[in-house]
C-alpha atoms as a PDB file:
ATOM      1  CA  MET A   1     -51.266 127.436 -72.171  1.00  0.00           C
ATOM      2  CA  ILE A   2     -50.629 128.375 -68.849  1.00  0.00           C
ATOM      3  CA  ALA A   3     -47.275 129.763 -68.303  1.00  0.00           C
ATOM      4  CA  ALA A   4     -45.050 127.232 -65.544  1.00  0.00           C
ATOM      5  CA  VAL A   5     -44.624 128.539 -62.406  1.00  0.00           C
ATOM      6  CA  ASN A   6     -41.013 129.140 -61.768  1.00  0.00           C
ATOM      7  CA  GLY A   7     -40.140 127.734 -65.130  1.00  0.00           C
ATOM      8  CA  ARG A   8     -41.679 124.393 -63.901  1.00  0.00           C
ATOM      9  CA  LEU A   9     -44.456 122.557 -65.588  1.00  0.00           C
ATOM     10  CA  LYS A  10     -47.044 121.560 -63.352  1.00  0.00           C
ATOM     11  CA  VAL A  11     -48.493 118.205 -63.894  1.00  0.00           C
ATOM     12  CA  VAL A  12     -51.502 116.285 -62.547  1.00  0.00           C
ATOM     13  CA  VAL A  13     -51.376 112.332 -62.906  1.00  0.00           C
ATOM     14  CA  ALA A  14     -54.039 109.812 -63.280  1.00  0.00           C
ATOM     15  CA  ASP A  15     -54.163 106.591 -63.303  1.00  0.00           C
ATOM     16  CA  ASP A  16     -55.710 103.642 -60.777  1.00  0.00           C
ATOM     17  CA  ALA A  17     -52.634 101.946 -60.510  1.00  0.00           C
ATOM     18  CA  VAL A  18     -51.170 103.101 -57.651  1.00  0.00           C
ATOM     19  CA  LEU A  19     -47.315 101.767 -58.356  1.00  0.00           C
ATOM     20  CA  LEU A  20     -47.472 103.297 -62.360  1.00  0.00           C
ATOM     21  CA  ARG A  21     -48.861 106.487 -61.268  1.00  0.00           C
ATOM     22  CA  ASP A  22     -46.503 106.771 -58.498  1.00  0.00           C
ATOM     23  CA  GLY A  23     -43.709 105.876 -60.570  1.00  0.00           C
ATOM     24  CA  LEU A  24     -45.034 108.712 -63.679  1.00  0.00           C
ATOM     25  CA  ALA A  25     -45.145 111.212 -60.821  1.00  0.00           C
ATOM     26  CA  SER A  26     -41.684 110.274 -59.742  1.00  0.00           C
ATOM     27  CA  LEU A  27     -40.399 110.524 -63.271  1.00  0.00           C
ATOM     28  CA  LEU A  28     -41.410 113.669 -64.093  1.00  0.00           C
ATOM     29  CA  GLU A  29     -40.854 115.293 -61.138  1.00  0.00           C
ATOM     30  CA  ARG A  30     -36.887 114.330 -61.618  1.00  0.00           C
ATOM     31  CA  ALA A  31     -37.247 115.730 -64.910  1.00  0.00           C
ATOM     32  CA  GLY A  32     -37.817 119.065 -63.179  1.00  0.00           C
ATOM     33  CA  MET A  33     -42.047 119.358 -63.297  1.00  0.00           C
ATOM     34  CA  THR A  34     -44.141 120.203 -60.148  1.00  0.00           C
ATOM     35  CA  ILE A  35     -46.743 117.446 -59.408  1.00  0.00           C
ATOM     36  CA  THR A  36     -49.534 119.204 -58.476  1.00  0.00           C
ATOM     37  CA  GLY A  37     -51.998 116.117 -58.258  1.00  0.00           C
ATOM     38  CA  LEU A  38     -52.640 112.649 -58.078  1.00  0.00           C
ATOM     39  CA  ALA A  39     -55.776 110.698 -59.191  1.00  0.00           C
ATOM     40  CA  GLY A  40     -57.067 107.469 -59.254  1.00  0.00           C
ATOM     41  CA  GLU A  41     -60.518 108.280 -60.483  1.00  0.00           C
ATOM     42  CA  PRO A  42     -62.134 110.720 -63.064  1.00  0.00           C
ATOM     43  CA  ALA A  43     -63.885 112.872 -60.269  1.00  0.00           C
ATOM     44  CA  GLU A  44     -60.567 112.940 -58.513  1.00  0.00           C
ATOM     45  CA  LEU A  45     -58.657 113.913 -61.600  1.00  0.00           C
ATOM     46  CA  LEU A  46     -60.978 116.779 -62.355  1.00  0.00           C
ATOM     47  CA  ARG A  47     -61.244 118.043 -58.943  1.00  0.00           C
ATOM     48  CA  ARG A  48     -57.119 118.165 -58.788  1.00  0.00           C
ATOM     49  CA  VAL A  49     -57.491 120.072 -62.158  1.00  0.00           C
ATOM     50  CA  SER A  50     -59.894 122.289 -61.597  1.00  0.00           C
ATOM     51  CA  LEU A  51     -58.000 123.303 -58.025  1.00  0.00           C
ATOM     52  CA  THR A  52     -54.694 123.756 -59.416  1.00  0.00           C
ATOM     53  CA  GLN A  53     -54.603 124.381 -63.003  1.00  0.00           C
ATOM     54  CA  PRO A  54     -51.795 122.642 -64.156  1.00  0.00           C
ATOM     55  CA  ASP A  55     -50.173 122.482 -67.442  1.00  0.00           C
ATOM     56  CA  VAL A  56     -51.085 118.874 -68.491  1.00  0.00           C
ATOM     57  CA  ALA A  57     -52.901 116.360 -66.960  1.00  0.00           C
ATOM     58  CA  LEU A  58     -51.368 112.841 -67.916  1.00  0.00           C
ATOM     59  CA  ILE A  59     -54.348 109.985 -67.933  1.00  0.00           C
ATOM     60  CA  ASP A  60     -54.953 106.454 -68.014  1.00  0.00           C
ATOM     61  CA  ILE A  61     -57.563 105.858 -70.850  1.00  0.00           C
ATOM     62  CA  LYS A  62     -58.999 103.580 -68.897  1.00  0.00           C
ATOM     63  CA  MET A  63     -60.480 104.399 -65.552  1.00  0.00           C
ATOM     64  CA  PRO A  64     -63.016 103.310 -62.616  1.00  0.00           C
ATOM     65  CA  PRO A  65     -65.708 102.527 -62.737  1.00  0.00           C
ATOM     66  CA  THR A  66     -65.933 100.518 -65.958  1.00  0.00           C
ATOM     67  CA  HIS A  67     -62.308 101.132 -67.078  1.00  0.00           C
ATOM     68  CA  THR A  68     -63.504 102.040 -70.670  1.00  0.00           C
ATOM     69  CA  ASP A  69     -62.968 105.204 -71.817  1.00  0.00           C
ATOM     70  CA  GLU A  70     -63.916 107.163 -68.647  1.00  0.00           C
ATOM     71  CA  GLY A  71     -59.974 108.767 -68.991  1.00  0.00           C
ATOM     72  CA  LEU A  72     -60.885 109.600 -72.402  1.00  0.00           C
ATOM     73  CA  VAL A  73     -64.007 111.986 -70.876  1.00  0.00           C
ATOM     74  CA  ALA A  74     -62.059 113.120 -68.361  1.00  0.00           C
ATOM     75  CA  ALA A  75     -59.639 114.110 -70.966  1.00  0.00           C
ATOM     76  CA  GLU A  76     -62.006 115.884 -73.370  1.00  0.00           C
ATOM     77  CA  ARG A  77     -64.093 117.406 -70.916  1.00  0.00           C
ATOM     78  CA  ILE A  78     -60.737 119.173 -69.311  1.00  0.00           C
ATOM     79  CA  ARG A  79     -59.817 120.490 -72.535  1.00  0.00           C
ATOM     80  CA  ALA A  80     -63.347 122.079 -72.989  1.00  0.00           C
ATOM     81  CA  GLU A  81     -63.361 123.237 -69.666  1.00  0.00           C
ATOM     82  CA  HIS A  82     -59.273 124.428 -68.854  1.00  0.00           C
ATOM     83  CA  PRO A  83     -58.736 125.274 -72.263  1.00  0.00           C
ATOM     84  CA  GLY A  84     -54.788 126.232 -70.719  1.00  0.00           C
ATOM     85  CA  THR A  85     -54.176 122.667 -69.294  1.00  0.00           C
ATOM     86  CA  GLY A  86     -53.314 120.297 -72.373  1.00  0.00           C
ATOM     87  CA  VAL A  87     -54.001 116.403 -71.842  1.00  0.00           C
ATOM     88  CA  LEU A  88     -52.170 113.315 -72.650  1.00  0.00           C
ATOM     89  CA  VAL A  89     -53.572 110.219 -72.382  1.00  0.00           C
ATOM     90  CA  LEU A  90     -52.225 107.146 -71.837  1.00  0.00           C
ATOM     91  CA  SER A  91     -53.687 103.550 -73.535  1.00  0.00           C
ATOM     92  CA  GLN A  92     -52.447 100.117 -73.129  1.00  0.00           C
ATOM     93  CA  TYR A  93     -54.137  99.077 -76.620  1.00  0.00           C
ATOM     94  CA  LEU A  94     -53.498 100.585 -79.988  1.00  0.00           C
ATOM     95  CA  ASP A  95     -57.107 101.917 -80.718  1.00  0.00           C
ATOM     96  CA  VAL A  96     -57.179 104.505 -83.464  1.00  0.00           C
ATOM     97  CA  ARG A  97     -60.710 105.049 -82.818  1.00  0.00           C
ATOM     98  CA  TYR A  98     -60.039 106.710 -78.982  1.00  0.00           C
ATOM     99  CA  ALA A  99     -57.092 109.094 -80.788  1.00  0.00           C
ATOM    100  CA  MET A 100     -59.407 110.344 -83.540  1.00  0.00           C
ATOM    101  CA  ARG A 101     -62.059 110.752 -80.826  1.00  0.00           C
ATOM    102  CA  LEU A 102     -59.747 112.909 -78.972  1.00  0.00           C
ATOM    103  CA  LEU A 103     -57.475 114.768 -81.383  1.00  0.00           C
ATOM    104  CA  GLU A 104     -60.485 115.229 -83.589  1.00  0.00           C
ATOM    105  CA  HIS A 105     -61.919 117.821 -81.363  1.00  0.00           C
ATOM    106  CA  TYR A 106     -58.953 118.982 -79.423  1.00  0.00           C
ATOM    107  CA  PRO A 107     -56.267 118.875 -82.413  1.00  0.00           C
ATOM    108  CA  THR A 108     -54.003 121.358 -79.889  1.00  0.00           C
ATOM    109  CA  GLY A 109     -52.468 120.396 -76.466  1.00  0.00           C
ATOM    110  CA  ALA A 110     -53.352 116.892 -76.648  1.00  0.00           C
ATOM    111  CA  GLY A 111     -51.771 113.556 -77.539  1.00  0.00           C
ATOM    112  CA  TYR A 112     -52.296 109.681 -77.461  1.00  0.00           C
ATOM    113  CA  LEU A 113     -49.287 107.489 -76.282  1.00  0.00           C
ATOM    114  CA  LEU A 114     -49.158 103.634 -75.884  1.00  0.00           C
ATOM    115  CA  LYS A 115     -48.411 102.786 -72.173  1.00  0.00           C
ATOM    116  CA  GLU A 116     -45.425 100.781 -73.034  1.00  0.00           C
ATOM    117  CA  ARG A 117     -43.930 104.445 -74.176  1.00  0.00           C
ATOM    118  CA  VAL A 118     -43.524 104.482 -69.659  1.00  0.00           C
ATOM    119  CA  SER A 119     -40.354 102.481 -70.278  1.00  0.00           C
ATOM    120  CA  ASP A 120     -38.755 105.438 -72.073  1.00  0.00           C
ATOM    121  CA  SER A 121     -38.580 107.934 -69.574  1.00  0.00           C
ATOM    122  CA  GLY A 122     -37.423 110.448 -72.253  1.00  0.00           C
ATOM    123  CA  VAL A 123     -40.418 109.838 -74.616  1.00  0.00           C
ATOM    124  CA  VAL A 124     -42.929 110.546 -71.796  1.00  0.00           C
ATOM    125  CA  VAL A 125     -41.125 113.890 -70.747  1.00  0.00           C
ATOM    126  CA  ASP A 126     -40.526 115.054 -74.412  1.00  0.00           C
ATOM    127  CA  ALA A 127     -44.715 114.202 -74.792  1.00  0.00           C
ATOM    128  CA  VAL A 128     -45.581 116.565 -72.008  1.00  0.00           C
ATOM    129  CA  ARG A 129     -43.385 119.399 -72.497  1.00  0.00           C
ATOM    130  CA  ARG A 130     -44.509 119.239 -76.302  1.00  0.00           C
ATOM    131  CA  VAL A 131     -48.182 119.074 -75.102  1.00  0.00           C
ATOM    132  CA  ALA A 132     -47.677 121.583 -72.573  1.00  0.00           C
ATOM    133  CA  ALA A 133     -46.487 123.946 -75.885  1.00  0.00           C
ATOM    134  CA  GLY A 134     -50.314 123.437 -77.625  1.00  0.00           C
ATOM    135  CA  GLU A 135     -48.826 120.443 -80.218  1.00  0.00           C
ATOM    136  CA  CYS A 136     -50.371 117.451 -81.113  1.00  0.00           C
ATOM    137  CA  ILE A 137     -48.765 114.202 -79.980  1.00  0.00           C
ATOM    138  CA  VAL A 138     -49.664 110.827 -81.882  1.00  0.00           C
ATOM    139  CA  ASP A 139     -47.683 107.745 -80.694  1.00  0.00           C
ATOM    140  CA  PRO A 140     -45.098 106.510 -83.344  1.00  0.00           C
ATOM    141  CA  THR A 141     -46.513 102.943 -83.678  1.00  0.00           C
ATOM    142  CA  ILE A 142     -50.216 103.788 -84.127  1.00  0.00           C
ATOM    143  CA  VAL A 143     -48.281 106.783 -87.194  1.00  0.00           C
ATOM    144  CA  SER A 144     -46.610 103.610 -88.225  1.00  0.00           C
ATOM    145  CA  HIS A 145     -50.085 101.716 -88.750  1.00  0.00           C
ATOM    146  CA  LEU A 146     -51.821 104.687 -90.124  1.00  0.00           C
ATOM    147  CA  VAL A 147     -49.181 105.418 -92.598  1.00  0.00           C
ATOM    148  CA  ARG A 148     -48.551 101.860 -94.308  1.00  0.00           C
ATOM    149  CA  PRO A 149     -50.253 101.804 -97.962  1.00  0.00           C
ATOM    150  CA  SER A 150     -53.353 100.748 -98.482  1.00  0.00           C
ATOM    151  CA  ALA A 151     -56.173  99.506-100.616  1.00  0.00           C
ATOM    152  CA  THR A 152     -58.682 100.980 -98.353  1.00  0.00           C
ATOM    153  CA  ARG A 153     -56.646 104.473 -98.132  1.00  0.00           C
ATOM    154  CA  PRO A 154     -56.301 105.606-101.679  1.00  0.00           C
ATOM    155  CA  ALA A 155     -55.213 109.272-100.499  1.00  0.00           C
ATOM    156  CA  LEU A 156     -52.660 107.140 -98.816  1.00  0.00           C
ATOM    157  CA  ALA A 157     -51.374 105.452-101.307  1.00  0.00           C
ATOM    158  CA  ASP A 158     -50.917 108.075-103.527  1.00  0.00           C
ATOM    159  CA  LEU A 159     -47.914 109.429-101.206  1.00  0.00           C
ATOM    160  CA  THR A 160     -44.485 108.667-101.694  1.00  0.00           C
ATOM    161  CA  GLU A 161     -42.780 106.826 -99.639  1.00  0.00           C
ATOM    162  CA  ARG A 162     -40.646 109.870 -98.212  1.00  0.00           C
ATOM    163  CA  GLU A 163     -44.030 111.955 -97.775  1.00  0.00           C
ATOM    164  CA  ARG A 164     -45.168 108.779 -95.792  1.00  0.00           C
ATOM    165  CA  ASP A 165     -41.980 109.029 -93.795  1.00  0.00           C
ATOM    166  CA  VAL A 166     -42.763 112.769 -93.123  1.00  0.00           C
ATOM    167  CA  LEU A 167     -46.058 112.768 -92.480  1.00  0.00           C
ATOM    168  CA  ALA A 168     -45.152 110.333 -89.680  1.00  0.00           C
ATOM    169  CA  LEU A 169     -42.978 112.764 -88.740  1.00  0.00           C
ATOM    170  CA  VAL A 170     -45.413 115.563 -88.294  1.00  0.00           C
ATOM    171  CA  ALA A 171     -47.722 113.734 -86.228  1.00  0.00           C
ATOM    172  CA  GLU A 172     -44.716 112.698 -83.557  1.00  0.00           C
ATOM    173  CA  GLY A 173     -45.283 116.695 -83.349  1.00  0.00           C
ATOM    174  CA  LEU A 174     -41.323 117.310 -85.207  1.00  0.00           C
ATOM    175  CA  SER A 175     -41.177 120.776 -86.546  1.00  0.00           C
ATOM    176  CA  ASN A 176     -39.445 120.623 -90.428  1.00  0.00           C
ATOM    177  CA  LYS A 177     -36.154 121.339 -88.864  1.00  0.00           C
ATOM    178  CA  GLY A 178     -36.631 118.320 -86.729  1.00  0.00           C
ATOM    179  CA  ILE A 179     -38.416 116.181 -89.571  1.00  0.00           C
ATOM    180  CA  GLY A 180     -34.956 117.104 -91.348  1.00  0.00           C
ATOM    181  CA  ASP A 181     -32.416 116.748 -88.869  1.00  0.00           C
ATOM    182  CA  ARG A 182     -34.250 113.100 -88.267  1.00  0.00           C
ATOM    183  CA  LEU A 183     -34.079 111.900 -92.006  1.00  0.00           C
ATOM    184  CA  TYR A 184     -31.408 113.881 -93.045  1.00  0.00           C
ATOM    185  CA  ILE A 185     -32.800 116.186 -95.754  1.00  0.00           C
ATOM    186  CA  SER A 186     -32.903 119.947 -96.053  1.00  0.00           C
ATOM    187  CA  THR A 187     -35.527 121.894 -94.195  1.00  0.00           C
ATOM    188  CA  LYS A 188     -36.326 122.931 -97.662  1.00  0.00           C
ATOM    189  CA  THR A 189     -36.880 119.198 -98.976  1.00  0.00           C
ATOM    190  CA  VAL A 190     -39.153 119.094 -96.140  1.00  0.00           C
ATOM    191  CA  GLU A 191     -41.332 121.894 -96.626  1.00  0.00           C
ATOM    192  CA  ALA A 192     -42.016 120.664-100.371  1.00  0.00           C
ATOM    193  CA  ASN A 193     -42.801 117.135 -99.582  1.00  0.00           C
ATOM    194  CA  ILE A 194     -45.129 118.835 -96.602  1.00  0.00           C
ATOM    195  CA  HIS A 195     -46.875 121.086 -99.372  1.00  0.00           C
ATOM    196  CA  GLN A 196     -46.983 117.692-101.541  1.00  0.00           C
ATOM    197  CA  ILE A 197     -48.766 115.923 -98.691  1.00  0.00           C
ATOM    198  CA  PHE A 198     -51.091 119.003 -98.298  1.00  0.00           C
ATOM    199  CA  MET A 199     -52.027 119.035-102.230  1.00  0.00           C
ATOM    200  CA  LYS A 200     -52.462 114.863-102.409  1.00  0.00           C
ATOM    201  CA  LEU A 201     -54.964 115.545 -99.240  1.00  0.00           C
ATOM    202  CA  ASP A 202     -56.560 118.495-100.691  1.00  0.00           C
ATOM    203  CA  LEU A 203     -56.088 120.610 -97.726  1.00  0.00           C
ATOM    204  CA  ARG A 204     -56.366 124.231 -98.627  1.00  0.00           C
ATOM    205  CA  GLU A 205     -54.573 127.232 -97.248  1.00  0.00           C
ATOM    206  CA  ASP A 206     -56.580 128.206 -94.122  1.00  0.00           C
ATOM    207  CA  PRO A 207     -56.089 130.961 -91.614  1.00  0.00           C
ATOM    208  CA  VAL A 208     -57.931 129.507 -89.335  1.00  0.00           C
ATOM    209  CA  GLU A 209     -57.118 125.364 -89.418  1.00  0.00           C
ATOM    210  CA  HIS A 210     -53.847 124.171 -88.948  1.00  0.00           C
ATOM    211  CA  ARG A 211     -52.759 121.910 -92.036  1.00  0.00           C
ATOM    212  CA  ARG A 212     -50.211 120.036 -90.361  1.00  0.00           C
ATOM    213  CA  VAL A 213     -52.982 118.667 -87.467  1.00  0.00           C
ATOM    214  CA  LEU A 214     -55.573 117.678 -90.500  1.00  0.00           C
ATOM    215  CA  ALA A 215     -53.207 115.843 -92.129  1.00  0.00           C
ATOM    216  CA  VAL A 216     -52.779 113.276 -89.846  1.00  0.00           C
ATOM    217  CA  LEU A 217     -56.381 113.674 -88.766  1.00  0.00           C
ATOM    218  CA  ALA A 218     -56.967 112.544 -92.056  1.00  0.00           C
ATOM    219  CA  TYR A 219     -55.164 109.001 -92.117  1.00  0.00           C
ATOM    220  CA  LEU A 220     -57.055 108.761 -88.463  1.00  0.00           C
ATOM    221  CA  ARG A 221     -60.480 108.986 -90.267  1.00  0.00           C
ATOM    222  CA  ALA A 222     -59.165 106.416 -92.323  1.00  0.00           C
END
């Protein structure tokens, strides 16, 4: 990721709803970030990113002209053309397919949050910072939906309740220490649970692939 100027993250905000766009920009500015551009449609978003090279682009998934997946298409293009810019996509609806589409191709420096999170400024600010740091972020609601045992997800059924809890927090972008603090268990216990998750999902050690991300993607595919 491109280093922030003077310690302040640079962010472009894209949403065709003016009030939400301005509200998000104000929220991030109060958190010490610099807004380098505002956009209401994909072409303007791409232009702003190209001109200012922000650390993160915060993007509504549904933008003009059809309000289907234009924001997601723009996010994918930004990750492909500007690898130093992370993308955090906001969606009004819980749609695993959209999250999968983004994160499978760009598993680092990308995130997917539901718009309901906007009411919690701390969650949004934290997500922007994590994406800027190159992490993969998945909305906790999507994670909880994915990690419920199901007859259609046999691999999921193999995980213990504790392993599902750990995987949920991995998907939210927490470190092993952060997971341990949240679940009140030791870091060593977290590492043991993650090892079991990798084994049950048949994720072999690979110096190129990031197994933590692959573990989350395995559930997105299911």
